[in-house]
């Protein structure tokens, strides 16, 4: 029996291909991401957390290393509270890193 992650990968890719064939559109990475969001496989809160973690270093650099100002910028940009953003950074910075076996397959 296949591992659930492998089976999920095959299933979602097959469904995405059928979706594109039905709509007569060319599959792209951007379209695949939108497809996952539309299927509710990636929740809005997950997107917000990911974007905060991803954009924090840029905001920090832009604001001359001021963590507070960087967090305020992200607060305005993503509509999350100051305390939520701090929690996202504390809890999800490691969570959103690529797993080592995924890196080897790229």
PDB file of N, CA and C in Angstrom:
ATOM      1  N   UNK A   1       0.837  -1.195   0.000  1.00  0.00           N
ATOM      2  CA  UNK A   1       0.000   0.000   0.000  1.00  0.00           C
ATOM      3  C   UNK A   1       0.875   1.249   0.000  1.00  0.00           C
ATOM      4  N   UNK A   2       0.475   2.232  -0.788  1.00  0.00           N
ATOM      5  CA  UNK A   2       1.208   3.491  -0.859  1.00  0.00           C
ATOM      6  C   UNK A   2       1.013   4.299   0.408  1.00  0.00           C
ATOM      7  N   UNK A   3       1.996   5.106   0.690  1.00  0.00           N
ATOM      8  CA  UNK A   3       1.851   6.027   1.808  1.00  0.00           C
ATOM      9  C   UNK A   3       0.786   7.051   1.438  1.00  0.00           C
ATOM     10  N   UNK A   4       0.053   7.547   2.435  1.00  0.00           N
ATOM     11  CA  UNK A   4      -1.012   8.521   2.143  1.00  0.00           C
ATOM     12  C   UNK A   4      -0.526   9.760   1.383  1.00  0.00           C
ATOM     13  N   UNK A   5       0.669  10.242   1.679  1.00  0.00           N
ATOM     14  CA  UNK A   5       1.176  11.436   0.985  1.00  0.00           C
ATOM     15  C   UNK A   5       1.406  11.163  -0.497  1.00  0.00           C
ATOM     16  N   UNK A   6       1.942   9.998  -0.804  1.00  0.00           N
ATOM     17  CA  UNK A   6       2.178   9.641  -2.201  1.00  0.00           C
ATOM     18  C   UNK A   6       0.854   9.458  -2.935  1.00  0.00           C
ATOM     19  N   UNK A   7      -0.082   8.796  -2.277  1.00  0.00           N
ATOM     20  CA  UNK A   7      -1.398   8.594  -2.879  1.00  0.00           C
ATOM     21  C   UNK A   7      -2.115   9.930  -3.083  1.00  0.00           C
ATOM     22  N   UNK A   8      -1.996  10.816  -2.100  1.00  0.00           N
ATOM     23  CA  UNK A   8      -2.580  12.154  -2.228  1.00  0.00           C
ATOM     24  C   UNK A   8      -1.970  12.877  -3.423  1.00  0.00           C
ATOM     25  N   UNK A   9      -0.654  12.826  -3.541  1.00  0.00           N
ATOM     26  CA  UNK A   9       0.031  13.507  -4.638  1.00  0.00           C
ATOM     27  C   UNK A   9      -0.476  13.008  -5.996  1.00  0.00           C
ATOM     28  N   UNK A  10      -0.569  11.711  -6.151  1.00  0.00           N
ATOM     29  CA  UNK A  10      -1.064  11.147  -7.404  1.00  0.00           C
ATOM     30  C   UNK A  10      -2.513  11.552  -7.662  1.00  0.00           C
ATOM     31  N   UNK A  11      -3.341  11.458  -6.623  1.00  0.00           N
ATOM     32  CA  UNK A  11      -4.769  11.759  -6.763  1.00  0.00           C
ATOM     33  C   UNK A  11      -5.008  13.211  -7.113  1.00  0.00           C
ATOM     34  N   UNK A  12      -4.366  14.125  -6.389  1.00  0.00           N
ATOM     35  CA  UNK A  12      -4.623  15.546  -6.633  1.00  0.00           C
ATOM     36  C   UNK A  12      -4.091  15.960  -8.004  1.00  0.00           C
ATOM     37  N   UNK A  13      -2.978  15.371  -8.427  1.00  0.00           N
ATOM     38  CA  UNK A  13      -2.456  15.683  -9.761  1.00  0.00           C
ATOM     39  C   UNK A  13      -3.368  15.163 -10.862  1.00  0.00           C
ATOM     40  N   UNK A  14      -3.924  13.969 -10.677  1.00  0.00           N
ATOM     41  CA  UNK A  14      -4.875  13.425 -11.650  1.00  0.00           C
ATOM     42  C   UNK A  14      -6.132  14.303 -11.726  1.00  0.00           C
ATOM     43  N   UNK A  15      -6.631  14.700 -10.576  1.00  0.00           N
ATOM     44  CA  UNK A  15      -7.826  15.547 -10.555  1.00  0.00           C
ATOM     45  C   UNK A  15      -7.557  16.911 -11.186  1.00  0.00           C
ATOM     46  N   UNK A  16      -6.385  17.467 -10.936  1.00  0.00           N
ATOM     47  CA  UNK A  16      -6.027  18.755 -11.533  1.00  0.00           C
ATOM     48  C   UNK A  16      -5.916  18.631 -13.050  1.00  0.00           C
ATOM     49  N   UNK A  17      -5.325  17.539 -13.509  1.00  0.00           N
ATOM     50  CA  UNK A  17      -5.220  17.328 -14.958  1.00  0.00           C
ATOM     51  C   UNK A  17      -6.612  17.221 -15.585  1.00  0.00           C
ATOM     52  N   UNK A  18      -7.519  16.469 -14.956  1.00  0.00           N
ATOM     53  CA  UNK A  18      -8.893  16.364 -15.471  1.00  0.00           C
ATOM     54  C   UNK A  18      -9.575  17.736 -15.491  1.00  0.00           C
ATOM     55  N   UNK A  19      -9.372  18.510 -14.432  1.00  0.00           N
ATOM     56  CA  UNK A  19      -9.943  19.858 -14.346  1.00  0.00           C
ATOM     57  C   UNK A  19      -9.453  20.715 -15.514  1.00  0.00           C
ATOM     58  N   UNK A  20      -8.152  20.681 -15.766  1.00  0.00           N
ATOM     59  CA  UNK A  20      -7.585  21.475 -16.864  1.00  0.00           C
ATOM     60  C   UNK A  20      -8.085  20.984 -18.219  1.00  0.00           C
ATOM     61  N   UNK A  21      -8.165  19.674 -18.376  1.00  0.00           N
ATOM     62  CA  UNK A  21      -8.680  19.114 -19.631  1.00  0.00           C
ATOM     63  C   UNK A  21     -10.129  19.539 -19.856  1.00  0.00           C
ATOM     64  N   UNK A  22     -10.923  19.463 -18.818  1.00  0.00           N
ATOM     65  CA  UNK A  22     -12.329  19.841 -18.916  1.00  0.00           C
ATOM     66  C   UNK A  22     -12.486  21.311 -19.285  1.00  0.00           C
ATOM     67  N   UNK A  23     -11.652  22.164 -18.692  1.00  0.00           N
ATOM     68  CA  UNK A  23     -11.712  23.609 -18.953  1.00  0.00           C
ATOM     69  C   UNK A  23     -10.930  24.002 -20.204  1.00  0.00           C
ATOM     70  N   UNK A  24     -10.215  23.020 -20.775  1.00  0.00           N
ATOM     71  CA  UNK A  24      -9.380  23.247 -21.952  1.00  0.00           C
ATOM     72  C   UNK A  24      -8.363  24.362 -21.699  1.00  0.00           C
ATOM     73  N   UNK A  25      -7.667  24.222 -20.577  1.00  0.00           N
ATOM     74  CA  UNK A  25      -6.636  25.195 -20.209  1.00  0.00           C
ATOM     75  C   UNK A  25      -5.320  24.463 -19.955  1.00  0.00           C
ATOM     76  N   UNK A  26      -4.242  25.194 -20.143  1.00  0.00           N
ATOM     77  CA  UNK A  26      -2.908  24.649 -19.928  1.00  0.00           C
ATOM     78  C   UNK A  26      -2.589  24.654 -18.433  1.00  0.00           C
ATOM     79  N   UNK A  27      -2.198  23.508 -17.869  1.00  0.00           N
ATOM     80  CA  UNK A  27      -1.846  23.485 -16.447  1.00  0.00           C
ATOM     81  C   UNK A  27      -0.554  24.264 -16.184  1.00  0.00           C
ATOM     82  N   UNK A  28      -0.569  25.084 -15.150  1.00  0.00           N
ATOM     83  CA  UNK A  28       0.608  25.846 -14.731  1.00  0.00           C
ATOM     84  C   UNK A  28       0.745  25.737 -13.214  1.00  0.00           C
ATOM     85  N   UNK A  29       1.902  26.112 -12.705  1.00  0.00           N
ATOM     86  CA  UNK A  29       2.103  26.111 -11.256  1.00  0.00           C
ATOM     87  C   UNK A  29       1.141  27.073 -10.572  1.00  0.00           C
ATOM     88  N   UNK A  30       0.986  28.255 -11.159  1.00  0.00           N
ATOM     89  CA  UNK A  30       0.085  29.256 -10.575  1.00  0.00           C
ATOM     90  C   UNK A  30      -1.354  28.734 -10.539  1.00  0.00           C
ATOM     91  N   UNK A  31      -1.774  28.115 -11.621  1.00  0.00           N
ATOM     92  CA  UNK A  31      -3.126  27.567 -11.675  1.00  0.00           C
ATOM     93  C   UNK A  31      -3.296  26.422 -10.675  1.00  0.00           C
ATOM     94  N   UNK A  32      -2.261  25.608 -10.509  1.00  0.00           N
ATOM     95  CA  UNK A  32      -2.330  24.511  -9.550  1.00  0.00           C
ATOM     96  C   UNK A  32      -2.504  25.047  -8.127  1.00  0.00           C
ATOM     97  N   UNK A  33      -1.771  26.097  -7.791  1.00  0.00           N
ATOM     98  CA  UNK A  33      -1.905  26.711  -6.468  1.00  0.00           C
ATOM     99  C   UNK A  33      -3.321  27.232  -6.264  1.00  0.00           C
ATOM    100  N   UNK A  34      -3.846  27.923  -7.259  1.00  0.00           N
ATOM    101  CA  UNK A  34      -5.224  28.430  -7.167  1.00  0.00           C
ATOM    102  C   UNK A  34      -6.223  27.280  -7.035  1.00  0.00           C
ATOM    103  N   UNK A  35      -5.966  26.202  -7.744  1.00  0.00           N
ATOM    104  CA  UNK A  35      -6.821  25.018  -7.678  1.00  0.00           C
ATOM    105  C   UNK A  35      -6.859  24.458  -6.256  1.00  0.00           C
ATOM    106  N   UNK A  36      -5.706  24.348  -5.630  1.00  0.00           N
ATOM    107  CA  UNK A  36      -5.644  23.850  -4.252  1.00  0.00           C
ATOM    108  C   UNK A  36      -6.409  24.757  -3.287  1.00  0.00           C
ATOM    109  N   UNK A  37      -6.311  26.051  -3.495  1.00  0.00           N
ATOM    110  CA  UNK A  37      -7.035  27.012  -2.647  1.00  0.00           C
ATOM    111  C   UNK A  37      -8.533  26.886  -2.887  1.00  0.00           C
ATOM    112  N   UNK A  38      -8.933  26.807  -4.141  1.00  0.00           N
ATOM    113  CA  UNK A  38     -10.356  26.686  -4.470  1.00  0.00           C
ATOM    114  C   UNK A  38     -10.961  25.379  -3.949  1.00  0.00           C
ATOM    115  N   UNK A  39     -10.146  24.341  -3.872  1.00  0.00           N
ATOM    116  CA  UNK A  39     -10.603  23.053  -3.340  1.00  0.00           C
ATOM    117  C   UNK A  39     -10.595  23.032  -1.808  1.00  0.00           C
ATOM    118  N   UNK A  40     -10.213  24.163  -1.207  1.00  0.00           N
ATOM    119  CA  UNK A  40     -10.114  24.305   0.254  1.00  0.00           C
ATOM    120  C   UNK A  40      -9.085  23.367   0.875  1.00  0.00           C
ATOM    121  N   UNK A  41      -8.069  23.030   0.112  1.00  0.00           N
ATOM    122  CA  UNK A  41      -6.982  22.217   0.642  1.00  0.00           C
ATOM    123  C   UNK A  41      -5.912  23.086   1.301  1.00  0.00           C
ATOM    124  N   UNK A  42      -5.888  24.355   0.942  1.00  0.00           N
ATOM    125  CA  UNK A  42      -5.023  25.328   1.599  1.00  0.00           C
ATOM    126  C   UNK A  42      -5.937  26.419   2.133  1.00  0.00           C
ATOM    127  N   UNK A  43      -5.996  26.553   3.440  1.00  0.00           N
ATOM    128  CA  UNK A  43      -6.899  27.509   4.068  1.00  0.00           C
ATOM    129  C   UNK A  43      -6.297  28.917   4.061  1.00  0.00           C
ATOM    130  N   UNK A  44      -7.178  29.910   4.122  1.00  0.00           N
ATOM    131  CA  UNK A  44      -6.753  31.315   4.147  1.00  0.00           C
ATOM    132  C   UNK A  44      -5.793  31.590   5.304  1.00  0.00           C
ATOM    133  N   UNK A  45      -6.056  31.002   6.457  1.00  0.00           N
ATOM    134  CA  UNK A  45      -5.172  31.231   7.607  1.00  0.00           C
ATOM    135  C   UNK A  45      -3.778  30.665   7.354  1.00  0.00           C
ATOM    136  N   UNK A  46      -3.692  29.545   6.666  1.00  0.00           N
ATOM    137  CA  UNK A  46      -2.392  28.969   6.334  1.00  0.00           C
ATOM    138  C   UNK A  46      -1.649  29.883   5.367  1.00  0.00           C
ATOM    139  N   UNK A  47      -2.359  30.433   4.411  1.00  0.00           N
ATOM    140  CA  UNK A  47      -1.751  31.361   3.455  1.00  0.00           C
ATOM    141  C   UNK A  47      -1.209  32.588   4.187  1.00  0.00           C
ATOM    142  N   UNK A  48      -2.010  33.131   5.085  1.00  0.00           N
ATOM    143  CA  UNK A  48      -1.597  34.307   5.845  1.00  0.00           C
ATOM    144  C   UNK A  48      -0.357  34.006   6.687  1.00  0.00           C
ATOM    145  N   UNK A  49      -0.347  32.889   7.368  1.00  0.00           N
ATOM    146  CA  UNK A  49       0.805  32.498   8.194  1.00  0.00           C
ATOM    147  C   UNK A  49       2.054  32.334   7.330  1.00  0.00           C
ATOM    148  N   UNK A  50       1.905  31.656   6.215  1.00  0.00           N
ATOM    149  CA  UNK A  50       3.031  31.439   5.314  1.00  0.00           C
ATOM    150  C   UNK A  50       3.594  32.761   4.811  1.00  0.00           C
ATOM    151  N   UNK A  51       2.714  33.666   4.391  1.00  0.00           N
ATOM    152  CA  UNK A  51       3.166  34.938   3.848  1.00  0.00           C
ATOM    153  C   UNK A  51       3.863  35.787   4.904  1.00  0.00           C
ATOM    154  N   UNK A  52       3.350  35.794   6.120  1.00  0.00           N
ATOM    155  CA  UNK A  52       3.996  36.539   7.202  1.00  0.00           C
ATOM    156  C   UNK A  52       5.408  36.001   7.434  1.00  0.00           C
ATOM    157  N   UNK A  53       5.538  34.684   7.551  1.00  0.00           N
ATOM    158  CA  UNK A  53       6.849  34.076   7.787  1.00  0.00           C
ATOM    159  C   UNK A  53       7.781  34.355   6.609  1.00  0.00           C
ATOM    160  N   UNK A  54       7.281  34.264   5.400  1.00  0.00           N
ATOM    161  CA  UNK A  54       8.098  34.472   4.206  1.00  0.00           C
ATOM    162  C   UNK A  54       8.545  35.922   4.054  1.00  0.00           C
ATOM    163  N   UNK A  55       7.656  36.875   4.329  1.00  0.00           N
ATOM    164  CA  UNK A  55       7.954  38.288   4.081  1.00  0.00           C
ATOM    165  C   UNK A  55       8.619  39.001   5.256  1.00  0.00           C
ATOM    166  N   UNK A  56       8.677  38.343   6.413  1.00  0.00           N
ATOM    167  CA  UNK A  56       9.269  38.991   7.595  1.00  0.00           C
ATOM    168  C   UNK A  56      10.730  39.411   7.376  1.00  0.00           C
ATOM    169  N   UNK A  57      11.608  38.544   6.851  1.00  0.00           N
ATOM    170  CA  UNK A  57      12.996  38.990   6.658  1.00  0.00           C
ATOM    171  C   UNK A  57      13.101  40.230   5.763  1.00  0.00           C
ATOM    172  N   UNK A  58      12.295  40.285   4.729  1.00  0.00           N
ATOM    173  CA  UNK A  58      12.283  41.444   3.829  1.00  0.00           C
ATOM    174  C   UNK A  58      11.813  42.699   4.574  1.00  0.00           C
ATOM    175  N   UNK A  59      10.737  42.571   5.354  1.00  0.00           N
ATOM    176  CA  UNK A  59      10.221  43.703   6.124  1.00  0.00           C
ATOM    177  C   UNK A  59      11.235  44.143   7.172  1.00  0.00           C
ATOM    178  N   UNK A  60      11.915  43.199   7.778  1.00  0.00           N
ATOM    179  CA  UNK A  60      12.928  43.504   8.785  1.00  0.00           C
ATOM    180  C   UNK A  60      14.081  44.284   8.162  1.00  0.00           C
ATOM    181  N   UNK A  61      14.549  43.833   7.022  1.00  0.00           N
ATOM    182  CA  UNK A  61      15.636  44.514   6.320  1.00  0.00           C
ATOM    183  C   UNK A  61      15.214  45.913   5.884  1.00  0.00           C
ATOM    184  N   UNK A  62      14.035  46.015   5.333  1.00  0.00           N
ATOM    185  CA  UNK A  62      13.504  47.298   4.852  1.00  0.00           C
ATOM    186  C   UNK A  62      13.375  48.316   5.985  1.00  0.00           C
ATOM    187  N   UNK A  63      13.118  47.825   7.186  1.00  0.00           N
ATOM    188  CA  UNK A  63      12.918  48.702   8.345  1.00  0.00           C
ATOM    189  C   UNK A  63      14.145  48.722   9.262  1.00  0.00           C
ATOM    190  N   UNK A  64      15.323  48.534   8.661  1.00  0.00           N
ATOM    191  CA  UNK A  64      16.612  48.667   9.345  1.00  0.00           C
ATOM    192  C   UNK A  64      16.723  47.805  10.598  1.00  0.00           C
ATOM    193  N   UNK A  65      16.153  46.605  10.556  1.00  0.00           N
ATOM    194  CA  UNK A  65      16.271  45.666  11.650  1.00  0.00           C
ATOM    195  C   UNK A  65      15.297  45.862  12.794  1.00  0.00           C
ATOM    196  N   UNK A  66      14.380  46.799  12.659  1.00  0.00           N
ATOM    197  CA  UNK A  66      13.401  47.032  13.723  1.00  0.00           C
ATOM    198  C   UNK A  66      12.291  45.983  13.638  1.00  0.00           C
ATOM    199  N   UNK A  67      12.287  45.063  14.604  1.00  0.00           N
ATOM    200  CA  UNK A  67      11.283  43.999  14.618  1.00  0.00           C
ATOM    201  C   UNK A  67       9.880  44.568  14.762  1.00  0.00           C
ATOM    202  N   UNK A  68       9.729  45.552  15.620  1.00  0.00           N
ATOM    203  CA  UNK A  68       8.413  46.138  15.870  1.00  0.00           C
ATOM    204  C   UNK A  68       7.847  46.780  14.615  1.00  0.00           C
ATOM    205  N   UNK A  69       8.645  47.579  13.938  1.00  0.00           N
ATOM    206  CA  UNK A  69       8.170  48.246  12.708  1.00  0.00           C
ATOM    207  C   UNK A  69       7.883  47.209  11.621  1.00  0.00           C
ATOM    208  N   UNK A  70       8.734  46.196  11.511  1.00  0.00           N
ATOM    209  CA  UNK A  70       8.502  45.135  10.522  1.00  0.00           C
ATOM    210  C   UNK A  70       7.176  44.436  10.792  1.00  0.00           C
ATOM    211  N   UNK A  71       6.896  44.149  12.053  1.00  0.00           N
ATOM    212  CA  UNK A  71       5.642  43.483  12.405  1.00  0.00           C
ATOM    213  C   UNK A  71       4.456  44.392  12.122  1.00  0.00           C
ATOM    214  N   UNK A  72       4.580  45.686  12.417  1.00  0.00           N
ATOM    215  CA  UNK A  72       3.491  46.625  12.096  1.00  0.00           C
ATOM    216  C   UNK A  72       3.230  46.665  10.591  1.00  0.00           C
ATOM    217  N   UNK A  73       4.303  46.615   9.795  1.00  0.00           N
ATOM    218  CA  UNK A  73       4.135  46.609   8.337  1.00  0.00           C
ATOM    219  C   UNK A  73       3.370  45.358   7.895  1.00  0.00           C
ATOM    220  N   UNK A  74       3.741  44.205   8.451  1.00  0.00           N
ATOM    221  CA  UNK A  74       3.062  42.960   8.101  1.00  0.00           C
ATOM    222  C   UNK A  74       1.619  42.958   8.607  1.00  0.00           C
ATOM    223  N   UNK A  75       1.396  43.592   9.736  1.00  0.00           N
ATOM    224  CA  UNK A  75       0.042  43.717  10.297  1.00  0.00           C
ATOM    225  C   UNK A  75      -0.860  44.442   9.294  1.00  0.00           C
ATOM    226  N   UNK A  76      -0.367  45.547   8.750  1.00  0.00           N
ATOM    227  CA  UNK A  76      -1.135  46.303   7.754  1.00  0.00           C
ATOM    228  C   UNK A  76      -1.315  45.511   6.464  1.00  0.00           C
ATOM    229  N   UNK A  77      -0.273  44.840   6.057  1.00  0.00           N
ATOM    230  CA  UNK A  77      -0.281  44.126   4.779  1.00  0.00           C
ATOM    231  C   UNK A  77      -1.198  42.907   4.768  1.00  0.00           C
ATOM    232  N   UNK A  78      -1.223  42.161   5.891  1.00  0.00           N
ATOM    233  CA  UNK A  78      -1.948  40.892   5.907  1.00  0.00           C
ATOM    234  C   UNK A  78      -3.152  40.866   6.837  1.00  0.00           C
ATOM    235  N   UNK A  79      -3.451  41.977   7.496  1.00  0.00           N
ATOM    236  CA  UNK A  79      -4.658  42.050   8.316  1.00  0.00           C
ATOM    237  C   UNK A  79      -4.652  41.133   9.521  1.00  0.00           C
ATOM    238  N   UNK A  80      -3.485  40.903  10.067  1.00  0.00           N
ATOM    239  CA  UNK A  80      -3.369  40.092  11.287  1.00  0.00           C
ATOM    240  C   UNK A  80      -2.904  41.012  12.415  1.00  0.00           C
ATOM    241  N   UNK A  81      -3.278  40.672  13.621  1.00  0.00           N
ATOM    242  CA  UNK A  81      -2.878  41.498  14.758  1.00  0.00           C
ATOM    243  C   UNK A  81      -1.386  41.343  15.044  1.00  0.00           C
ATOM    244  N   UNK A  82      -0.850  42.312  15.753  1.00  0.00           N
ATOM    245  CA  UNK A  82       0.557  42.305  16.141  1.00  0.00           C
ATOM    246  C   UNK A  82       0.893  41.002  16.873  1.00  0.00           C
ATOM    247  N   UNK A  83       0.053  40.649  17.843  1.00  0.00           N
ATOM    248  CA  UNK A  83       0.319  39.435  18.635  1.00  0.00           C
ATOM    249  C   UNK A  83       0.205  38.169  17.774  1.00  0.00           C
ATOM    250  N   UNK A  84      -0.715  38.158  16.822  1.00  0.00           N
ATOM    251  CA  UNK A  84      -0.832  36.999  15.919  1.00  0.00           C
ATOM    252  C   UNK A  84       0.420  36.853  15.068  1.00  0.00           C
ATOM    253  N   UNK A  85       0.920  37.955  14.559  1.00  0.00           N
ATOM    254  CA  UNK A  85       2.121  37.904  13.726  1.00  0.00           C
ATOM    255  C   UNK A  85       3.310  37.399  14.535  1.00  0.00           C
ATOM    256  N   UNK A  86       3.459  37.865  15.751  1.00  0.00           N
ATOM    257  CA  UNK A  86       4.547  37.370  16.608  1.00  0.00           C
ATOM    258  C   UNK A  86       4.406  35.865  16.829  1.00  0.00           C
ATOM    259  N   UNK A  87       3.179  35.422  17.048  1.00  0.00           N
ATOM    260  CA  UNK A  87       2.935  33.994  17.244  1.00  0.00           C
ATOM    261  C   UNK A  87       3.257  33.212  15.958  1.00  0.00           C
ATOM    262  N   UNK A  88       2.857  33.748  14.790  1.00  0.00           N
ATOM    263  CA  UNK A  88       3.170  33.082  13.521  1.00  0.00           C
ATOM    264  C   UNK A  88       4.682  32.922  13.377  1.00  0.00           C
ATOM    265  N   UNK A  89       5.406  33.981  13.669  1.00  0.00           N
ATOM    266  CA  UNK A  89       6.862  33.938  13.532  1.00  0.00           C
ATOM    267  C   UNK A  89       7.486  32.945  14.507  1.00  0.00           C
ATOM    268  N   UNK A  90       6.983  32.909  15.727  1.00  0.00           N
ATOM    269  CA  UNK A  90       7.507  31.982  16.735  1.00  0.00           C
ATOM    270  C   UNK A  90       7.188  30.527  16.395  1.00  0.00           C
ATOM    271  N   UNK A  91       5.966  30.260  15.999  1.00  0.00           N
ATOM    272  CA  UNK A  91       5.516  28.872  15.828  1.00  0.00           C
ATOM    273  C   UNK A  91       5.703  28.296  14.435  1.00  0.00           C
ATOM    274  N   UNK A  92       5.687  29.138  13.412  1.00  0.00           N
ATOM    275  CA  UNK A  92       5.635  28.606  12.054  1.00  0.00           C
ATOM    276  C   UNK A  92       6.895  28.818  11.218  1.00  0.00           C
ATOM    277  N   UNK A  93       7.895  29.502  11.746  1.00  0.00           N
ATOM    278  CA  UNK A  93       9.127  29.689  10.970  1.00  0.00           C
ATOM    279  C   UNK A  93       9.767  28.354  10.618  1.00  0.00           C
ATOM    280  N   UNK A  94       9.776  27.430  11.551  1.00  0.00           N
ATOM    281  CA  UNK A  94      10.325  26.101  11.297  1.00  0.00           C
ATOM    282  C   UNK A  94       9.326  25.228  10.545  1.00  0.00           C
ATOM    283  N   UNK A  95       8.057  25.383  10.848  1.00  0.00           N
ATOM    284  CA  UNK A  95       6.997  24.559  10.265  1.00  0.00           C
ATOM    285  C   UNK A  95       6.976  24.646   8.739  1.00  0.00           C
ATOM    286  N   UNK A  96       7.211  25.828   8.183  1.00  0.00           N
ATOM    287  CA  UNK A  96       7.102  26.025   6.744  1.00  0.00           C
ATOM    288  C   UNK A  96       8.393  25.733   5.979  1.00  0.00           C
ATOM    289  N   UNK A  97       9.418  25.253   6.651  1.00  0.00           N
ATOM    290  CA  UNK A  97      10.657  24.884   5.951  1.00  0.00           C
ATOM    291  C   UNK A  97      10.447  23.594   5.173  1.00  0.00           C
ATOM    292  N   UNK A  98      11.171  23.467   4.065  1.00  0.00           N
ATOM    293  CA  UNK A  98      11.121  22.226   3.291  1.00  0.00           C
ATOM    294  C   UNK A  98      11.710  21.094   4.104  1.00  0.00           C
ATOM    295  N   UNK A  99      11.111  19.944   3.987  1.00  0.00           N
ATOM    296  CA  UNK A  99      11.647  18.752   4.645  1.00  0.00           C
ATOM    297  C   UNK A  99      12.842  18.255   3.861  1.00  0.00           C
ATOM    298  N   UNK A 100      13.792  17.668   4.532  1.00  0.00           N
ATOM    299  CA  UNK A 100      15.057  17.273   3.889  1.00  0.00           C
ATOM    300  C   UNK A 100      14.851  16.301   2.729  1.00  0.00           C
ATOM    301  N   UNK A 101      13.928  15.338   2.848  1.00  0.00           N
ATOM    302  CA  UNK A 101      13.738  14.383   1.755  1.00  0.00           C
ATOM    303  C   UNK A 101      13.111  15.051   0.533  1.00  0.00           C
ATOM    304  N   UNK A 102      12.343  16.108   0.727  1.00  0.00           N
ATOM    305  CA  UNK A 102      11.776  16.845  -0.402  1.00  0.00           C
ATOM    306  C   UNK A 102      12.905  17.587  -1.134  1.00  0.00           C
ATOM    307  N   UNK A 103      13.836  18.144  -0.381  1.00  0.00           N
ATOM    308  CA  UNK A 103      14.976  18.830  -0.986  1.00  0.00           C
ATOM    309  C   UNK A 103      15.797  17.900  -1.869  1.00  0.00           C
ATOM    310  N   UNK A 104      15.958  16.642  -1.448  1.00  0.00           N
ATOM    311  CA  UNK A 104      16.748  15.696  -2.217  1.00  0.00           C
ATOM    312  C   UNK A 104      16.081  15.326  -3.533  1.00  0.00           C
ATOM    313  N   UNK A 105      14.751  15.411  -3.597  1.00  0.00           N
ATOM    314  CA  UNK A 105      14.027  15.022  -4.814  1.00  0.00           C
ATOM    315  C   UNK A 105      13.941  16.137  -5.836  1.00  0.00           C
ATOM    316  N   UNK A 106      14.376  17.334  -5.500  1.00  0.00           N
ATOM    317  CA  UNK A 106      14.261  18.480  -6.425  1.00  0.00           C
ATOM    318  C   UNK A 106      15.419  18.515  -7.382  1.00  0.00           C
TER     319      UNK A 106
END
